[in-house]
Amino acid sequence: MPNEPQRSRAVFSTEDFGLMKEAVADYVRRIADDPRSVKFSNLYHRLGRLG
């Protein structure tokens, strides 16, 4: 049997994405006046597409 690359395993579960999205949403509300909040808001939306 030839050496086949091992199948990659998911690091995060669907539930994990929900938890991370909830945490990021809370953080975005806390730093609403900070210019970085835009980057975290974008992260929030990307997490929503994943899980």
PDB file of N, CA and C in Angstrom:
ATOM      1  N   MET A   1       0.852  -1.187   0.000  1.00  0.00           N
ATOM      2  CA  MET A   1       0.000   0.000   0.000  1.00  0.00           C
ATOM      3  C   MET A   1       0.897   1.250   0.000  1.00  0.00           C
ATOM      4  N   PRO A   2       0.742   2.115  -0.988  1.00  0.00           N
ATOM      5  CA  PRO A   2       1.584   3.329  -1.043  1.00  0.00           C
ATOM      6  C   PRO A   2       1.274   4.261   0.121  1.00  0.00           C
ATOM      7  N   ASN A   3       2.263   5.064   0.443  1.00  0.00           N
ATOM      8  CA  ASN A   3       2.052   6.055   1.510  1.00  0.00           C
ATOM      9  C   ASN A   3       1.093   7.124   1.027  1.00  0.00           C
ATOM     10  N   GLU A   4      -0.071   7.147   1.619  1.00  0.00           N
ATOM     11  CA  GLU A   4      -1.058   8.167   1.281  1.00  0.00           C
ATOM     12  C   GLU A   4      -1.090   9.209   2.381  1.00  0.00           C
ATOM     13  N   PRO A   5      -1.259  10.471   2.002  1.00  0.00           N
ATOM     14  CA  PRO A   5      -1.344  11.493   3.056  1.00  0.00           C
ATOM     15  C   PRO A   5      -2.565  11.243   3.934  1.00  0.00           C
ATOM     16  N   GLN A   6      -2.376  11.488   5.211  1.00  0.00           N
ATOM     17  CA  GLN A   6      -3.497  11.317   6.123  1.00  0.00           C
ATOM     18  C   GLN A   6      -4.547  12.381   5.840  1.00  0.00           C
ATOM     19  N   ARG A   7      -5.777  11.971   6.015  1.00  0.00           N
ATOM     20  CA  ARG A   7      -6.889  12.898   5.838  1.00  0.00           C
ATOM     21  C   ARG A   7      -6.871  13.926   6.957  1.00  0.00           C
ATOM     22  N   SER A   8      -7.018  15.182   6.610  1.00  0.00           N
ATOM     23  CA  SER A   8      -7.019  16.205   7.658  1.00  0.00           C
ATOM     24  C   SER A   8      -8.327  16.143   8.429  1.00  0.00           C
ATOM     25  N   ARG A   9      -8.226  16.410   9.702  1.00  0.00           N
ATOM     26  CA  ARG A   9      -9.405  16.399  10.570  1.00  0.00           C
ATOM     27  C   ARG A   9      -9.772  17.823  10.932  1.00  0.00           C
ATOM     28  N   ALA A  10     -11.051  18.057  11.064  1.00  0.00           N
ATOM     29  CA  ALA A  10     -11.528  19.389  11.442  1.00  0.00           C
ATOM     30  C   ALA A  10     -11.016  19.748  12.829  1.00  0.00           C
ATOM     31  N   VAL A  11     -10.606  20.970  12.979  1.00  0.00           N
ATOM     32  CA  VAL A  11     -10.121  21.453  14.273  1.00  0.00           C
ATOM     33  C   VAL A  11     -11.292  21.934  15.127  1.00  0.00           C
ATOM     34  N   PHE A  12     -12.253  22.582  14.487  1.00  0.00           N
ATOM     35  CA  PHE A  12     -13.397  23.139  15.203  1.00  0.00           C
ATOM     36  C   PHE A  12     -14.677  22.448  14.768  1.00  0.00           C
ATOM     37  N   SER A  13     -15.592  22.294  15.704  1.00  0.00           N
ATOM     38  CA  SER A  13     -16.903  21.733  15.379  1.00  0.00           C
ATOM     39  C   SER A  13     -17.847  22.875  15.004  1.00  0.00           C
ATOM     40  N   THR A  14     -18.996  22.516  14.466  1.00  0.00           N
ATOM     41  CA  THR A  14     -20.014  23.513  14.140  1.00  0.00           C
ATOM     42  C   THR A  14     -20.422  24.281  15.395  1.00  0.00           C
ATOM     43  N   GLU A  15     -20.522  23.575  16.509  1.00  0.00           N
ATOM     44  CA  GLU A  15     -20.878  24.228  17.773  1.00  0.00           C
ATOM     45  C   GLU A  15     -19.803  25.239  18.181  1.00  0.00           C
ATOM     46  N   ASP A  16     -18.538  24.908  17.932  1.00  0.00           N
ATOM     47  CA  ASP A  16     -17.445  25.830  18.261  1.00  0.00           C
ATOM     48  C   ASP A  16     -17.600  27.149  17.511  1.00  0.00           C
ATOM     49  N   PHE A  17     -17.983  27.071  16.219  1.00  0.00           N
ATOM     50  CA  PHE A  17     -18.157  28.301  15.445  1.00  0.00           C
ATOM     51  C   PHE A  17     -19.264  29.164  16.040  1.00  0.00           C
ATOM     52  N   GLY A  18     -20.321  28.535  16.514  1.00  0.00           N
ATOM     53  CA  GLY A  18     -21.399  29.288  17.160  1.00  0.00           C
ATOM     54  C   GLY A  18     -20.920  29.988  18.418  1.00  0.00           C
ATOM     55  N   LEU A  19     -20.115  29.288  19.202  1.00  0.00           N
ATOM     56  CA  LEU A  19     -19.575  29.882  20.431  1.00  0.00           C
ATOM     57  C   LEU A  19     -18.627  31.039  20.119  1.00  0.00           C
ATOM     58  N   MET A  20     -17.776  30.847  19.119  1.00  0.00           N
ATOM     59  CA  MET A  20     -16.838  31.912  18.754  1.00  0.00           C
ATOM     60  C   MET A  20     -17.593  33.120  18.212  1.00  0.00           C
ATOM     61  N   LYS A  21     -18.640  32.863  17.427  1.00  0.00           N
ATOM     62  CA  LYS A  21     -19.436  33.967  16.884  1.00  0.00           C
ATOM     63  C   LYS A  21     -20.087  34.761  18.018  1.00  0.00           C
ATOM     64  N   GLU A  22     -20.608  34.057  19.013  1.00  0.00           N
ATOM     65  CA  GLU A  22     -21.222  34.721  20.172  1.00  0.00           C
ATOM     66  C   GLU A  22     -20.196  35.568  20.926  1.00  0.00           C
ATOM     67  N   ALA A  23     -19.001  35.021  21.127  1.00  0.00           N
ATOM     68  CA  ALA A  23     -17.951  35.752  21.840  1.00  0.00           C
ATOM     69  C   ALA A  23     -17.505  36.981  21.059  1.00  0.00           C
ATOM     70  N   VAL A  24     -17.344  36.836  19.752  1.00  0.00           N
ATOM     71  CA  VAL A  24     -16.918  37.967  18.928  1.00  0.00           C
ATOM     72  C   VAL A  24     -17.998  39.047  18.917  1.00  0.00           C
ATOM     73  N   ALA A  25     -19.263  38.639  18.846  1.00  0.00           N
ATOM     74  CA  ALA A  25     -20.360  39.620  18.859  1.00  0.00           C
ATOM     75  C   ALA A  25     -20.338  40.436  20.148  1.00  0.00           C
ATOM     76  N   ASP A  26     -20.109  39.778  21.265  1.00  0.00           N
ATOM     77  CA  ASP A  26     -20.035  40.486  22.544  1.00  0.00           C
ATOM     78  C   ASP A  26     -18.863  41.459  22.546  1.00  0.00           C
ATOM     79  N   TYR A  27     -17.727  41.015  22.024  1.00  0.00           N
ATOM     80  CA  TYR A  27     -16.533  41.869  21.984  1.00  0.00           C
ATOM     81  C   TYR A  27     -16.760  43.069  21.069  1.00  0.00           C
ATOM     82  N   VAL A  28     -17.419  42.858  19.933  1.00  0.00           N
ATOM     83  CA  VAL A  28     -17.691  43.967  19.008  1.00  0.00           C
ATOM     84  C   VAL A  28     -18.533  45.037  19.711  1.00  0.00           C
ATOM     85  N   ARG A  29     -19.508  44.611  20.498  1.00  0.00           N
ATOM     86  CA  ARG A  29     -20.335  45.583  21.234  1.00  0.00           C
ATOM     87  C   ARG A  29     -19.489  46.350  22.249  1.00  0.00           C
ATOM     88  N   ARG A  30     -18.548  45.670  22.880  1.00  0.00           N
ATOM     89  CA  ARG A  30     -17.717  46.332  23.902  1.00  0.00           C
ATOM     90  C   ARG A  30     -16.754  47.350  23.312  1.00  0.00           C
ATOM     91  N   ILE A  31     -16.269  47.091  22.097  1.00  0.00           N
ATOM     92  CA  ILE A  31     -15.270  47.984  21.505  1.00  0.00           C
ATOM     93  C   ILE A  31     -15.851  48.783  20.335  1.00  0.00           C
ATOM     94  N   ALA A  32     -17.126  49.032  20.359  1.00  0.00           N
ATOM     95  CA  ALA A  32     -17.823  49.679  19.239  1.00  0.00           C
ATOM     96  C   ALA A  32     -17.156  50.978  18.781  1.00  0.00           C
ATOM     97  N   ASP A  33     -16.547  51.727  19.685  1.00  0.00           N
ATOM     98  CA  ASP A  33     -15.927  52.999  19.323  1.00  0.00           C
ATOM     99  C   ASP A  33     -14.491  52.845  18.840  1.00  0.00           C
ATOM    100  N   ASP A  34     -13.963  51.642  18.889  1.00  0.00           N
ATOM    101  CA  ASP A  34     -12.586  51.363  18.475  1.00  0.00           C
ATOM    102  C   ASP A  34     -12.584  51.066  16.971  1.00  0.00           C
ATOM    103  N   PRO A  35     -11.643  51.644  16.224  1.00  0.00           N
ATOM    104  CA  PRO A  35     -11.592  51.360  14.781  1.00  0.00           C
ATOM    105  C   PRO A  35     -11.440  49.860  14.459  1.00  0.00           C
ATOM    106  N   ARG A  36     -10.854  49.109  15.377  1.00  0.00           N
ATOM    107  CA  ARG A  36     -10.692  47.663  15.148  1.00  0.00           C
ATOM    108  C   ARG A  36     -12.011  46.917  15.149  1.00  0.00           C
ATOM    109  N   SER A  37     -13.066  47.550  15.642  1.00  0.00           N
ATOM    110  CA  SER A  37     -14.363  46.862  15.700  1.00  0.00           C
ATOM    111  C   SER A  37     -14.829  46.434  14.305  1.00  0.00           C
ATOM    112  N   VAL A  38     -14.425  47.155  13.276  1.00  0.00           N
ATOM    113  CA  VAL A  38     -14.792  46.797  11.901  1.00  0.00           C
ATOM    114  C   VAL A  38     -14.192  45.441  11.536  1.00  0.00           C
ATOM    115  N   LYS A  39     -12.940  45.226  11.912  1.00  0.00           N
ATOM    116  CA  LYS A  39     -12.277  43.957  11.615  1.00  0.00           C
ATOM    117  C   LYS A  39     -12.951  42.808  12.360  1.00  0.00           C
ATOM    118  N   PHE A  40     -13.322  43.044  13.609  1.00  0.00           N
ATOM    119  CA  PHE A  40     -13.988  42.004  14.388  1.00  0.00           C
ATOM    120  C   PHE A  40     -15.405  41.755  13.870  1.00  0.00           C
ATOM    121  N   SER A  41     -16.053  42.786  13.382  1.00  0.00           N
ATOM    122  CA  SER A  41     -17.374  42.625  12.792  1.00  0.00           C
ATOM    123  C   SER A  41     -17.285  41.762  11.532  1.00  0.00           C
ATOM    124  N   ASN A  42     -16.258  41.985  10.725  1.00  0.00           N
ATOM    125  CA  ASN A  42     -16.049  41.163   9.538  1.00  0.00           C
ATOM    126  C   ASN A  42     -15.784  39.712   9.929  1.00  0.00           C
ATOM    127  N   LEU A  43     -15.009  39.505  10.983  1.00  0.00           N
ATOM    128  CA  LEU A  43     -14.751  38.152  11.487  1.00  0.00           C
ATOM    129  C   LEU A  43     -16.057  37.489  11.915  1.00  0.00           C
ATOM    130  N   TYR A  44     -16.902  38.235  12.589  1.00  0.00           N
ATOM    131  CA  TYR A  44     -18.206  37.730  13.027  1.00  0.00           C
ATOM    132  C   TYR A  44     -19.002  37.198  11.829  1.00  0.00           C
ATOM    133  N   HIS A  45     -19.014  37.953  10.759  1.00  0.00           N
ATOM    134  CA  HIS A  45     -19.780  37.545   9.581  1.00  0.00           C
ATOM    135  C   HIS A  45     -19.150  36.341   8.885  1.00  0.00           C
ATOM    136  N   ARG A  46     -17.807  36.295   8.862  1.00  0.00           N
ATOM    137  CA  ARG A  46     -17.149  35.110   8.272  1.00  0.00           C
ATOM    138  C   ARG A  46     -17.437  33.862   9.088  1.00  0.00           C
ATOM    139  N   LEU A  47     -17.456  33.975  10.404  1.00  0.00           N
ATOM    140  CA  LEU A  47     -17.781  32.832  11.257  1.00  0.00           C
ATOM    141  C   LEU A  47     -19.214  32.356  10.991  1.00  0.00           C
ATOM    142  N   GLY A  48     -20.103  33.286  10.711  1.00  0.00           N
ATOM    143  CA  GLY A  48     -21.480  32.928  10.415  1.00  0.00           C
ATOM    144  C   GLY A  48     -21.612  32.100   9.154  1.00  0.00           C
ATOM    145  N   ARG A  49     -20.737  32.349   8.192  1.00  0.00           N
ATOM    146  CA  ARG A  49     -20.769  31.576   6.946  1.00  0.00           C
ATOM    147  C   ARG A  49     -20.210  30.172   7.149  1.00  0.00           C
ATOM    148  N   LEU A  50     -19.351  30.005   8.145  1.00  0.00           N
ATOM    149  CA  LEU A  50     -18.711  28.700   8.362  1.00  0.00           C
ATOM    150  C   LEU A  50     -19.546  27.735   9.196  1.00  0.00           C
ATOM    151  N   GLY A  51     -20.277  28.284  10.147  1.00  0.00           N
ATOM    152  CA  GLY A  51     -20.961  27.365  11.057  1.00  0.00           C
ATOM    153  C   GLY A  51     -22.391  27.657  11.293  1.00  0.00           C
TER     154      GLY A  51
END
